[in-house]
Amino acid sequence: MSAPFDLNDDNVVVIIGTGAGGGVLANELAQKGVSVVALEAGGRYLPEDYINDEWDSFGQLAWTDPRTTSGDWRVAKDFSGLPAWIVKAVGGTTTHWAGASLRFQDHEWKAKTNYGDVQGANLLDWPIDPREMDDYYTKAEDKLGVTRTGGRAGLPGNNNYKVFEKGAKALGYEHVHTGRMAINSADNDDRMACQQTGFCFQGCKWGAKWSSAYTDIPRGEATGNLEVRERCHVMRIEHNQQGKVTGVVYVDADGNQQQQKARVVCVAGNSIESPRLLLNSASAMFPDGLANSSGQVGRNYMRHVTGSVYATFDQPVRMWRGTTMAGIIQDEAINDPSRGFVGGYELETLALGLPFMAAFLDPGGWGREFTTALDHYENMAGMWIVGEDMPQETNRITLNHAVTDQHGLPVADVHFDDHPNDVAMRNHAYKQGIAVYEAVGATRVFPTPPYPSTHNLGTNRMSANARDGVVNAHGQTHDIANLFVSDGSQFTSGAAENPTLTIVALAIRQADFIAAEMNKQTL
């Protein structure tokens, strides 16, 4: 373990959060010789601690601090206190994620240019050239050990995949395989191959799935340049009279307030906590919150167009056996406005255990139709929809001053209304998902409403011009040179792909930038 850094050491980079963005950034900087203090609100759990039980694991890992919801989205009705299903632990939501690791398509980096003016959408091009990301994507794929990249074989298909593939091929879909997954198909990087246990969302007990919890974080610590402080909840970021950030105030594991000085502060608390922290850090100099001269902090919240389709069959499928999300249809992930919407979506295999199936299949729908569906659970197959939703200024994270957390701070209110483009896409995806299963003889189909969000994006978005967003092309805030955003909240638009690979690639790229700027003494 690295020696602890002094609270008054103002040469350290403080990173808030240790997930796909913060955990990778911490390691990348530590490998370059930069001193890093990573503050993590949750505790530390390793593969031997994970629990192969859905509710017990949820209790162990989930971020259940109070939050409120508003807007017309189904989640506000079904799960008003749990807008997002993310993790509060070292490693962040890389513990819970399914492992799908897909590159953005070129057209998705330039959504405004390629989709045109979509009424009610706040579209903007990313200030990044797609070619600039090629090498960083390759580095990210190698770090994560992504299957079907770098000569790594794909995962085997389980029964859920075989049903999915057969239906997809019957419909004429061509881009169907077991996915590009950050789950080892063979022993790799000191981690064993996938054991097909099926509890991917509960933390991989084998360590076959990449998570910063047991890869990047310990490797960063081994350099002596990274100190991780767990159960440390950051309350606010402080700054001096020149408007530079100087450190953070946090509550430590014993409930005491501490102040850590910093040369640079990087916010990587996911798309709800990151804007909340910037807003809660308001001061006389920055009355609207830090980095918010544009008024865009908290705005343009995206959570992907999601939903599920389950189906029952005459024969057992036992969809829960094997890797949870090793199956994808990519044919609909194109931009083809003739379908009635811009952007595209992926269809991915998904299995839920009985406890979560009971909670998510049709929230509040405890009738005979529901119970007979659960009776046929063994014969059920399932898939998940993930598509590009439209950024809207009114979809946003704000502070709810009427509700405070355990530290007395206003909680985040998550407001989301579906855009007409989102609704059209979801309906198209439901229709296609149902058709996949009906093509292989499904006896019943169940289009299922969205779960609490796992792909939380936007809220501190990248923009070429300061007036349009919060950070520049390197995640550096437009307003404060030594304040960075290092997570999915910097996404300008959502794309159709699961976001983790892009978050990791951007973190590797940001580490290069920060280290170079520190060497030049410009940070």
Protein backbone atom coordinates (compact mmCIF):
# COMPACT_ATOMS: atom_id res chain seq x y z
CA MET A 1 0.00 0.00 0.00
CA SER A 2 1.17 3.52 -0.69
CA ALA A 3 2.12 5.82 2.13
CA PRO A 4 -0.70 8.17 3.04
CA PHE A 5 -0.46 11.71 1.74
CA ASP A 6 -0.66 14.65 4.10
CA LEU A 7 -3.93 16.58 4.24
CA ASN A 8 -1.93 19.76 3.57
CA ASP A 9 -0.04 18.35 0.57
CA ASP A 10 -1.19 20.72 -2.15
CA ASN A 11 0.72 18.88 -4.87
CA VAL A 12 -1.68 15.93 -5.08
CA VAL A 13 -4.39 15.29 -7.64
CA VAL A 14 -7.63 14.56 -5.79
CA ILE A 15 -10.00 12.23 -7.65
CA ILE A 16 -13.55 11.89 -6.36
CA GLY A 17 -14.90 8.44 -7.20
CA THR A 18 -13.11 5.23 -8.23
CA GLY A 19 -15.25 3.76 -11.03
CA ALA A 20 -14.60 3.47 -14.77
CA GLY A 21 -13.51 7.11 -14.97
CA GLY A 22 -11.96 7.86 -11.58
CA GLY A 23 -10.42 4.43 -10.94
CA VAL A 24 -8.72 4.29 -14.33
CA LEU A 25 -7.59 7.93 -14.14
CA ALA A 26 -6.10 7.31 -10.67
CA ASN A 27 -4.07 4.35 -11.91
CA GLU A 28 -2.97 6.02 -15.15
CA LEU A 29 -1.71 9.09 -13.26
CA ALA A 30 -0.04 6.97 -10.56
CA GLN A 31 1.80 4.99 -13.26
CA LYS A 32 3.13 8.33 -14.58
CA GLY A 33 4.51 9.27 -11.17
CA VAL A 34 1.73 11.69 -10.22
CA SER A 35 0.64 11.73 -6.55
CA VAL A 36 -3.07 10.87 -6.29
CA VAL A 37 -5.56 10.82 -3.44
CA ALA A 38 -8.77 9.04 -4.46
CA LEU A 39 -11.80 9.61 -2.27
CA GLU A 40 -14.53 6.98 -2.43
CA ALA A 41 -17.89 7.35 -0.69
CA GLY A 42 -18.37 3.61 -0.41
CA GLY A 43 -16.48 0.73 1.18
CA ARG A 44 -14.09 -1.77 -0.37
CA TYR A 45 -15.27 -5.19 -1.48
CA LEU A 46 -13.23 -7.72 -3.43
CA PRO A 47 -14.35 -10.85 -5.32
CA GLU A 48 -14.33 -13.01 -2.20
CA ASP A 49 -16.79 -10.53 -0.62
CA TYR A 50 -19.33 -10.47 -3.45
CA ILE A 51 -22.65 -12.23 -2.84
CA ASN A 52 -24.36 -14.43 -5.45
CA ASP A 53 -27.81 -13.33 -4.32
CA GLU A 54 -29.61 -10.43 -5.93
CA TRP A 55 -31.16 -8.66 -2.95
CA ASP A 56 -28.26 -9.30 -0.55
CA SER A 57 -25.81 -8.04 -3.18
CA PHE A 58 -27.98 -4.98 -3.82
CA GLY A 59 -27.83 -4.23 -0.09
CA GLN A 60 -24.05 -4.62 -0.11
CA LEU A 61 -23.21 -2.56 -3.20
CA ALA A 62 -26.00 -0.23 -4.31
CA TRP A 63 -25.99 3.55 -3.88
CA THR A 64 -29.15 3.98 -1.79
CA ASP A 65 -28.56 7.47 -0.37
CA PRO A 66 -31.77 9.50 -0.64
CA ARG A 67 -32.62 10.97 -4.04
CA THR A 68 -35.83 12.27 -5.54
CA THR A 69 -37.30 12.01 -9.03
CA SER A 70 -39.58 14.07 -11.22
CA GLY A 71 -40.74 14.04 -14.84
CA ASP A 72 -42.89 11.74 -16.93
CA TRP A 73 -40.47 8.78 -17.13
CA ARG A 74 -41.70 5.41 -15.87
CA VAL A 75 -38.85 5.15 -13.34
CA ALA A 76 -40.24 8.15 -11.41
CA LYS A 77 -43.50 6.23 -10.96
CA ASP A 78 -42.08 2.77 -10.32
CA PHE A 79 -38.88 3.56 -8.38
CA SER A 80 -39.23 7.18 -7.22
CA GLY A 81 -36.46 6.91 -4.63
CA LEU A 82 -34.06 4.94 -6.83
CA PRO A 83 -33.61 6.71 -10.18
CA ALA A 84 -30.28 4.96 -10.78
CA TRP A 85 -28.98 1.47 -10.07
CA ILE A 86 -25.33 2.27 -9.43
CA VAL A 87 -22.73 1.16 -6.91
CA LYS A 88 -21.33 2.87 -3.81
CA ALA A 89 -18.00 1.09 -3.38
CA VAL A 90 -14.37 1.16 -4.48
CA GLY A 91 -14.57 0.38 -8.18
CA GLY A 92 -17.91 2.13 -8.51
CA THR A 93 -20.38 0.71 -10.99
CA THR A 94 -17.64 -1.33 -12.72
CA THR A 95 -18.51 -3.86 -10.00
CA HIS A 96 -22.13 -4.10 -11.19
CA TRP A 97 -21.78 -3.54 -14.92
CA ALA A 98 -22.42 -6.37 -17.39
CA GLY A 99 -19.16 -5.88 -19.30
CA ALA A 100 -20.43 -4.84 -22.76
CA SER A 101 -17.61 -2.80 -24.34
CA LEU A 102 -18.48 -1.15 -27.63
CA ARG A 103 -16.84 1.71 -29.51
CA PHE A 104 -18.94 4.65 -30.60
CA GLN A 105 -19.65 4.78 -34.31
CA ASP A 106 -18.17 7.75 -36.17
CA HIS A 107 -21.52 9.41 -36.81
CA GLU A 108 -22.35 9.42 -33.09
CA TRP A 109 -19.47 11.76 -32.22
CA LYS A 110 -21.13 14.41 -34.38
CA ALA A 111 -24.80 14.04 -33.49
CA LYS A 112 -25.77 17.64 -34.29
CA THR A 113 -24.19 17.48 -37.74
CA ASN A 114 -25.59 14.04 -38.58
CA TYR A 115 -29.05 14.21 -37.03
CA GLY A 116 -29.76 17.87 -37.84
CA ASP A 117 -32.15 19.99 -35.82
CA VAL A 118 -34.33 17.70 -33.72
CA GLN A 119 -37.07 19.78 -32.10
CA GLY A 120 -36.77 19.88 -28.33
CA ALA A 121 -33.35 18.19 -28.35
CA ASN A 122 -30.21 20.04 -27.28
CA LEU A 123 -27.90 18.24 -29.70
CA LEU A 124 -24.25 19.19 -30.00
CA ASP A 125 -21.20 17.70 -31.72
CA TRP A 126 -18.48 16.32 -29.43
CA PRO A 127 -15.35 18.51 -29.66
CA ILE A 128 -13.37 15.35 -30.48
CA ASP A 129 -12.43 13.91 -33.86
CA PRO A 130 -13.35 10.19 -34.00
CA ARG A 131 -9.87 9.30 -35.32
CA GLU A 132 -8.35 10.85 -32.22
CA MET A 133 -10.04 8.12 -30.19
CA ASP A 134 -8.84 5.09 -32.18
CA ASP A 135 -5.61 4.53 -30.21
CA TYR A 136 -7.31 5.27 -26.90
CA TYR A 137 -10.05 2.78 -27.67
CA THR A 138 -7.40 0.15 -28.44
CA LYS A 139 -5.64 0.92 -25.12
CA ALA A 140 -8.96 0.66 -23.30
CA GLU A 141 -9.82 -2.66 -24.98
CA ASP A 142 -6.41 -4.08 -24.05
CA LYS A 143 -6.76 -2.84 -20.46
CA LEU A 144 -10.21 -4.39 -20.13
CA GLY A 145 -9.35 -7.53 -22.11
CA VAL A 146 -12.34 -7.01 -24.40
CA THR A 147 -13.36 -10.12 -26.37
CA ARG A 148 -13.39 -9.99 -30.20
CA THR A 149 -10.71 -7.27 -30.09
CA GLY A 150 -6.91 -7.64 -30.02
CA GLY A 151 -7.08 -11.29 -31.02
CA ARG A 152 -9.17 -12.29 -27.99
CA ALA A 153 -11.87 -14.89 -28.68
CA GLY A 154 -15.56 -14.28 -28.09
CA LEU A 155 -17.39 -15.82 -25.15
CA PRO A 156 -19.48 -18.97 -25.72
CA GLY A 157 -23.21 -18.49 -26.18
CA ASN A 158 -25.54 -19.72 -23.44
CA ASN A 159 -29.13 -20.89 -24.03
CA ASN A 160 -30.46 -17.34 -23.76
CA TYR A 161 -28.08 -16.36 -26.56
CA LYS A 162 -28.98 -19.36 -28.74
CA VAL A 163 -32.69 -18.46 -28.66
CA PHE A 164 -31.82 -14.80 -29.33
CA GLU A 165 -29.47 -15.66 -32.23
CA LYS A 166 -31.90 -18.04 -33.89
CA GLY A 167 -34.69 -15.45 -33.80
CA ALA A 168 -32.37 -12.71 -35.03
CA LYS A 169 -31.18 -14.79 -37.98
CA ALA A 170 -34.78 -15.67 -38.84
CA LEU A 171 -35.51 -11.94 -39.14
CA GLY A 172 -32.50 -11.46 -41.41
CA TYR A 173 -30.29 -9.71 -38.85
CA GLU A 174 -26.60 -10.14 -39.72
CA HIS A 175 -24.59 -8.49 -36.93
CA VAL A 176 -25.32 -11.02 -34.19
CA HIS A 177 -22.68 -12.47 -31.84
CA THR A 178 -21.80 -12.90 -28.16
CA GLY A 179 -20.57 -9.35 -27.95
CA ARG A 180 -17.42 -7.43 -27.20
CA MET A 181 -17.20 -8.09 -23.49
CA ALA A 182 -14.71 -7.08 -20.78
CA ILE A 183 -15.03 -10.63 -19.47
CA ASN A 184 -12.21 -13.07 -20.06
CA SER A 185 -12.96 -15.83 -22.56
CA ALA A 186 -9.56 -17.31 -21.60
CA ASP A 187 -7.17 -16.64 -18.71
CA ASN A 188 -5.83 -13.12 -19.24
CA ASP A 189 -4.08 -10.38 -17.27
CA ASP A 190 -3.73 -12.46 -14.07
CA ARG A 191 -7.49 -13.11 -14.10
CA MET A 192 -9.22 -16.40 -14.86
CA ALA A 193 -11.68 -17.12 -17.65
CA CYS A 194 -15.42 -16.66 -17.18
CA GLN A 195 -16.94 -19.52 -15.15
CA GLN A 196 -20.47 -18.90 -16.53
CA THR A 197 -21.97 -18.45 -13.06
CA GLY A 198 -24.51 -15.86 -14.19
CA PHE A 199 -24.21 -13.30 -11.37
CA CYS A 200 -22.43 -10.62 -13.43
CA PHE A 201 -24.45 -7.76 -11.87
CA GLN A 202 -23.56 -8.86 -8.33
CA GLY A 203 -19.79 -8.48 -8.70
CA CYS A 204 -17.78 -11.20 -10.45
CA LYS A 205 -16.63 -13.66 -7.77
CA TRP A 206 -14.02 -15.02 -10.20
CA GLY A 207 -12.54 -11.70 -11.23
CA ALA A 208 -13.07 -12.74 -14.87
CA LYS A 209 -14.95 -9.50 -15.53
CA TRP A 210 -12.86 -6.33 -15.50
CA SER A 211 -13.52 -3.96 -12.63
CA SER A 212 -11.30 -1.12 -11.47
CA ALA A 213 -11.85 -2.47 -7.94
CA TYR A 214 -9.36 -5.32 -8.41
CA THR A 215 -7.33 -4.22 -11.45
CA ASP A 216 -6.55 -0.53 -11.79
CA ILE A 217 -6.94 0.50 -8.15
CA PRO A 218 -4.50 -2.07 -6.64
CA ARG A 219 -2.05 -1.49 -9.50
CA GLY A 220 -2.11 2.22 -8.85
CA GLU A 221 -1.58 1.61 -5.13
CA ALA A 222 1.37 -0.67 -5.88
CA THR A 223 3.26 2.27 -7.41
CA GLY A 224 3.22 4.10 -4.08
CA ASN A 225 1.66 7.10 -5.82
CA LEU A 226 -2.01 6.38 -5.10
CA GLU A 227 -3.84 6.49 -1.80
CA VAL A 228 -7.48 5.41 -1.75
CA ARG A 229 -9.59 6.61 1.17
CA GLU A 230 -12.79 4.60 1.37
CA ARG A 231 -16.04 5.67 3.05
CA CYS A 232 -15.09 9.30 2.49
CA HIS A 233 -17.96 11.40 1.19
CA VAL A 234 -16.94 14.70 -0.43
CA MET A 235 -19.22 17.56 0.61
CA ARG A 236 -17.75 20.41 -1.40
CA ILE A 237 -14.82 21.61 -3.48
CA GLU A 238 -13.02 24.73 -2.25
CA HIS A 239 -11.32 27.50 -4.23
CA ASN A 240 -9.18 30.60 -3.65
CA GLN A 241 -9.70 34.27 -4.53
CA GLN A 242 -8.15 33.66 -7.94
CA GLY A 243 -10.90 31.15 -8.73
CA LYS A 244 -8.62 28.09 -8.73
CA VAL A 245 -9.73 25.04 -6.78
CA THR A 246 -7.56 24.38 -3.72
CA GLY A 247 -8.93 21.17 -2.24
CA VAL A 248 -12.00 19.36 -0.97
CA VAL A 249 -13.89 19.02 2.28
CA TYR A 250 -15.11 15.49 3.04
CA VAL A 251 -16.63 13.44 5.83
CA ASP A 252 -14.35 10.52 6.69
CA ALA A 253 -15.27 6.97 7.73
CA ASP A 254 -15.55 8.08 11.38
CA GLY A 255 -17.91 10.93 10.56
CA ASN A 256 -15.31 13.67 10.99
CA GLN A 257 -14.90 16.52 8.52
CA GLN A 258 -11.51 16.67 6.84
CA GLN A 259 -9.95 19.00 4.32
CA GLN A 260 -7.57 17.67 1.67
CA LYS A 261 -5.54 20.24 -0.25
CA ALA A 262 -5.05 19.65 -3.97
CA ARG A 263 -3.22 20.87 -7.05
CA VAL A 264 -5.93 19.46 -9.32
CA VAL A 265 -9.42 18.11 -8.53
CA CYS A 266 -11.13 15.55 -10.78
CA VAL A 267 -14.83 14.79 -10.27
CA ALA A 268 -15.87 11.22 -11.15
CA GLY A 269 -18.97 10.57 -9.08
CA ASN A 270 -21.34 9.50 -11.87
CA SER A 271 -23.83 11.75 -13.66
CA ILE A 272 -25.97 12.40 -10.59
CA GLU A 273 -23.40 12.98 -7.85
CA SER A 274 -20.91 14.91 -10.01
CA PRO A 275 -23.24 17.81 -10.88
CA ARG A 276 -24.69 17.68 -7.36
CA LEU A 277 -21.20 18.22 -5.94
CA LEU A 278 -20.49 21.15 -8.28
CA LEU A 279 -23.84 22.73 -7.36
CA ASN A 280 -23.30 22.10 -3.63
CA SER A 281 -19.92 23.85 -3.95
CA ALA A 282 -21.50 27.23 -4.75
CA SER A 283 -19.77 30.26 -3.22
CA ALA A 284 -19.87 34.05 -3.37
CA MET A 285 -17.57 33.94 -6.41
CA PHE A 286 -19.53 31.09 -8.03
CA PRO A 287 -23.12 31.58 -6.79
CA ASP A 288 -24.58 29.08 -9.29
CA GLY A 289 -22.08 26.34 -8.44
CA LEU A 290 -18.62 25.59 -9.76
CA ALA A 291 -17.93 25.47 -13.52
CA ASN A 292 -21.47 26.68 -14.20
CA SER A 293 -21.06 30.00 -16.03
CA SER A 294 -23.00 28.38 -18.91
CA GLY A 295 -25.85 27.28 -16.66
CA GLN A 296 -25.34 23.78 -18.10
CA VAL A 297 -24.22 21.96 -14.93
CA GLY A 298 -26.82 19.27 -14.28
CA ARG A 299 -28.54 19.72 -17.64
CA ASN A 300 -28.78 17.34 -20.61
CA TYR A 301 -29.15 14.26 -18.40
CA MET A 302 -29.32 11.10 -20.49
CA ARG A 303 -29.96 7.53 -19.39
CA HIS A 304 -30.27 5.71 -22.73
CA VAL A 305 -33.51 4.53 -24.27
CA THR A 306 -34.04 1.27 -22.41
CA GLY A 307 -36.62 -1.40 -21.78
CA SER A 308 -36.66 -5.18 -21.96
CA VAL A 309 -38.45 -7.94 -23.80
CA TYR A 310 -38.95 -11.31 -22.15
CA ALA A 311 -40.63 -14.31 -23.72
CA THR A 312 -41.70 -17.76 -22.62
CA PHE A 313 -41.29 -20.95 -24.64
CA ASP A 314 -42.54 -24.54 -24.57
CA GLN A 315 -39.10 -25.79 -23.55
CA PRO A 316 -36.79 -24.72 -20.68
CA VAL A 317 -34.24 -22.02 -21.52
CA ARG A 318 -32.76 -21.37 -18.06
CA MET A 319 -31.57 -17.96 -19.22
CA TRP A 320 -29.83 -17.26 -15.90
CA ARG A 321 -27.07 -19.77 -16.69
CA GLY A 322 -23.96 -18.26 -18.22
CA THR A 323 -22.74 -14.74 -18.86
CA THR A 324 -25.59 -12.27 -18.36
CA MET A 325 -25.12 -10.02 -21.39
CA ALA A 326 -23.00 -12.04 -23.85
CA GLY A 327 -25.25 -11.54 -26.85
CA ILE A 328 -25.92 -8.59 -29.14
CA ILE A 329 -27.82 -7.63 -32.29
CA GLN A 330 -26.21 -4.52 -33.82
CA ASP A 331 -28.18 -4.17 -37.06
CA GLU A 332 -30.46 -1.47 -35.58
CA ALA A 333 -27.57 0.62 -34.22
CA ILE A 334 -27.46 2.67 -37.40
CA ASN A 335 -28.84 6.13 -38.09
CA ASP A 336 -31.79 5.53 -40.39
CA PRO A 337 -34.45 8.24 -39.93
CA SER A 338 -36.88 6.30 -42.18
CA ARG A 339 -37.66 4.23 -39.06
CA GLY A 340 -39.23 7.36 -37.53
CA PHE A 341 -36.35 8.42 -35.27
CA VAL A 342 -32.71 9.51 -35.41
CA GLY A 343 -29.93 7.45 -33.85
CA GLY A 344 -30.03 3.73 -33.24
CA TYR A 345 -30.17 1.02 -30.62
CA GLU A 346 -28.60 -2.30 -29.65
CA LEU A 347 -30.47 -5.40 -28.49
CA GLU A 348 -28.50 -7.33 -25.86
CA THR A 349 -29.21 -10.56 -24.00
CA LEU A 350 -30.26 -10.07 -20.38
CA ALA A 351 -31.27 -12.40 -17.60
CA LEU A 352 -32.66 -11.42 -14.23
CA GLY A 353 -33.00 -13.80 -11.30
CA LEU A 354 -36.43 -14.50 -9.86
CA PRO A 355 -36.21 -11.83 -7.11
CA PHE A 356 -35.43 -9.02 -9.55
CA MET A 357 -37.78 -10.44 -12.17
CA ALA A 358 -40.57 -10.13 -9.61
CA ALA A 359 -39.59 -6.50 -8.98
CA PHE A 360 -38.96 -5.42 -12.56
CA LEU A 361 -41.19 -7.48 -14.90
CA ASP A 362 -44.23 -5.26 -14.45
CA PRO A 363 -43.83 -3.03 -11.40
CA GLY A 364 -47.11 -2.89 -9.51
CA GLY A 365 -48.71 -5.51 -11.76
CA TRP A 366 -49.40 -8.33 -9.34
CA GLY A 367 -52.25 -9.98 -11.27
CA ARG A 368 -52.72 -13.48 -12.61
CA GLU A 369 -50.96 -12.55 -15.86
CA PHE A 370 -47.90 -11.63 -13.80
CA THR A 371 -47.87 -14.73 -11.60
CA THR A 372 -48.27 -17.10 -14.55
CA ALA A 373 -45.28 -15.43 -16.18
CA LEU A 374 -43.16 -16.17 -13.11
CA ASP A 375 -44.50 -19.75 -13.13
CA HIS A 376 -42.81 -20.13 -16.52
CA TYR A 377 -39.55 -18.52 -15.43
CA GLU A 378 -37.51 -21.61 -16.34
CA ASN A 379 -38.81 -21.37 -19.93
CA MET A 380 -38.08 -17.65 -20.26
CA ALA A 381 -35.57 -15.81 -22.46
CA GLY A 382 -34.75 -12.12 -22.17
CA MET A 383 -33.15 -9.15 -23.87
CA TRP A 384 -32.44 -5.52 -23.07
CA ILE A 385 -32.81 -2.47 -25.29
CA VAL A 386 -30.09 0.20 -25.18
CA GLY A 387 -30.37 3.14 -27.55
CA GLU A 388 -29.37 6.76 -27.97
CA ASP A 389 -31.68 9.15 -26.15
CA MET A 390 -31.85 12.83 -26.95
CA PRO A 391 -30.13 15.34 -24.67
CA GLN A 392 -32.67 17.87 -23.40
CA GLU A 393 -31.84 20.94 -21.34
CA THR A 394 -34.87 20.31 -19.14
CA ASN A 395 -33.72 16.77 -18.27
CA ARG A 396 -31.51 17.68 -15.41
CA ILE A 397 -30.08 17.16 -11.96
CA THR A 398 -30.99 19.89 -9.49
CA LEU A 399 -30.60 20.25 -5.73
CA ASN A 400 -33.69 19.36 -3.72
CA HIS A 401 -33.36 21.63 -0.68
CA ALA A 402 -36.40 20.02 0.95
CA VAL A 403 -34.58 16.69 1.36
CA THR A 404 -31.12 16.31 2.86
CA ASP A 405 -28.74 13.36 3.07
CA GLN A 406 -26.98 11.90 6.12
CA HIS A 407 -24.48 14.78 6.00
CA GLY A 408 -27.14 17.50 5.86
CA LEU A 409 -26.59 18.33 2.17
CA PRO A 410 -29.45 18.84 -0.29
CA VAL A 411 -30.01 15.69 -2.33
CA ALA A 412 -30.17 15.39 -6.10
CA ASP A 413 -33.51 15.53 -7.85
CA VAL A 414 -33.39 13.61 -11.13
CA HIS A 415 -35.84 15.04 -13.64
CA PHE A 416 -36.42 13.21 -16.91
CA ASP A 417 -39.07 13.40 -19.61
CA ASP A 418 -38.94 11.11 -22.62
CA HIS A 419 -38.32 12.93 -25.90
CA PRO A 420 -40.65 11.90 -28.77
CA ASN A 421 -37.57 10.44 -30.49
CA ASP A 422 -36.94 8.27 -27.41
CA VAL A 423 -40.53 6.99 -27.41
CA ALA A 424 -40.46 6.19 -31.14
CA MET A 425 -37.15 4.34 -30.74
CA ARG A 426 -38.36 2.33 -27.73
CA ASN A 427 -41.56 1.32 -29.51
CA HIS A 428 -39.60 0.21 -32.57
CA ALA A 429 -37.21 -1.77 -30.36
CA TYR A 430 -40.08 -3.45 -28.51
CA LYS A 431 -41.61 -4.45 -31.87
CA GLN A 432 -38.31 -5.90 -33.13
CA GLY A 433 -37.52 -7.64 -29.84
CA ILE A 434 -40.95 -9.27 -29.82
CA ALA A 435 -40.47 -10.32 -33.45
CA VAL A 436 -37.14 -11.99 -32.59
CA TYR A 437 -38.83 -14.23 -30.04
CA GLU A 438 -41.98 -14.87 -32.06
CA ALA A 439 -39.76 -16.04 -34.93
CA VAL A 440 -38.64 -18.95 -32.73
CA GLY A 441 -42.06 -19.87 -31.38
CA ALA A 442 -42.50 -17.82 -28.22
CA THR A 443 -45.73 -18.67 -26.40
CA ARG A 444 -45.95 -15.24 -24.72
CA VAL A 445 -43.96 -12.00 -24.93
CA PHE A 446 -43.51 -9.37 -22.23
CA PRO A 447 -42.30 -5.90 -23.20
CA THR A 448 -41.06 -4.52 -19.86
CA PRO A 449 -40.66 -0.87 -18.79
CA PRO A 450 -37.21 0.62 -18.05
CA TYR A 451 -35.42 -0.24 -14.80
CA PRO A 452 -33.59 2.32 -12.63
CA SER A 453 -30.88 3.81 -14.82
CA THR A 454 -27.44 2.25 -15.12
CA HIS A 455 -26.19 4.31 -18.08
CA ASN A 456 -26.28 7.78 -16.54
CA LEU A 457 -24.75 10.31 -18.93
CA GLY A 458 -24.48 14.02 -19.62
CA THR A 459 -25.01 16.70 -16.92
CA ASN A 460 -21.45 18.15 -17.29
CA ARG A 461 -21.11 17.90 -21.01
CA MET A 462 -18.17 18.53 -23.31
CA SER A 463 -18.42 21.46 -25.68
CA ALA A 464 -16.13 23.42 -27.97
CA ASN A 465 -17.59 26.70 -26.66
CA ALA A 466 -17.85 27.49 -22.96
CA ARG A 467 -21.41 28.76 -23.35
CA ASP A 468 -22.67 25.35 -24.57
CA GLY A 469 -21.34 23.04 -21.88
CA VAL A 470 -19.21 22.49 -18.81
CA VAL A 471 -15.90 20.95 -19.94
CA ASN A 472 -13.61 21.06 -22.96
CA ALA A 473 -12.37 18.16 -25.09
CA HIS A 474 -10.14 16.92 -22.24
CA GLY A 475 -12.77 17.09 -19.51
CA GLN A 476 -11.19 20.28 -18.15
CA THR A 477 -13.87 22.70 -16.96
CA HIS A 478 -14.16 25.79 -19.11
CA ASP A 479 -14.29 28.04 -16.03
CA ILE A 480 -11.59 26.57 -13.76
CA ALA A 481 -8.37 25.23 -15.30
CA ASN A 482 -7.48 22.85 -12.44
CA LEU A 483 -10.96 21.32 -12.10
CA PHE A 484 -11.81 18.31 -14.29
CA VAL A 485 -14.76 16.01 -14.89
CA SER A 486 -13.69 12.40 -15.43
CA ASP A 487 -16.86 10.29 -15.76
CA GLY A 488 -19.85 9.75 -18.04
CA SER A 489 -21.29 13.12 -17.09
CA GLN A 490 -18.91 14.70 -19.65
CA PHE A 491 -20.73 12.95 -22.53
CA THR A 492 -21.98 15.45 -25.12
CA SER A 493 -24.42 12.90 -26.51
CA GLY A 494 -25.21 9.34 -25.55
CA ALA A 495 -24.63 7.16 -28.66
CA ALA A 496 -26.25 3.72 -28.83
CA GLU A 497 -23.37 1.88 -27.15
CA ASN A 498 -22.91 0.91 -23.52
CA PRO A 499 -20.72 3.79 -22.24
CA THR A 500 -18.01 2.20 -20.07
CA LEU A 501 -15.42 1.58 -22.79
CA THR A 502 -15.66 5.22 -23.87
CA ILE A 503 -15.42 6.44 -20.25
CA VAL A 504 -12.23 4.37 -19.84
CA ALA A 505 -10.75 5.57 -23.15
CA LEU A 506 -11.45 9.20 -22.20
CA ALA A 507 -9.85 8.63 -18.76
CA ILE A 508 -6.65 7.29 -20.34
CA ARG A 509 -6.62 10.30 -22.68
CA GLN A 510 -7.30 12.71 -19.82
CA ALA A 511 -4.43 11.25 -17.79
CA ASP A 512 -2.06 11.99 -20.68
CA PHE A 513 -3.33 15.57 -20.80
CA ILE A 514 -3.17 16.23 -17.04
CA ALA A 515 0.32 14.74 -16.68
CA ALA A 516 1.58 16.80 -19.64
CA GLU A 517 0.05 20.02 -18.29
CA MET A 518 1.52 19.36 -14.82
CA ASN A 519 4.95 18.83 -16.38
CA LYS A 520 4.59 22.14 -18.24
CA GLN A 521 3.62 23.79 -14.91
CA THR A 522 0.39 25.02 -16.51
CA LEU A 523 -1.62 23.13 -13.90
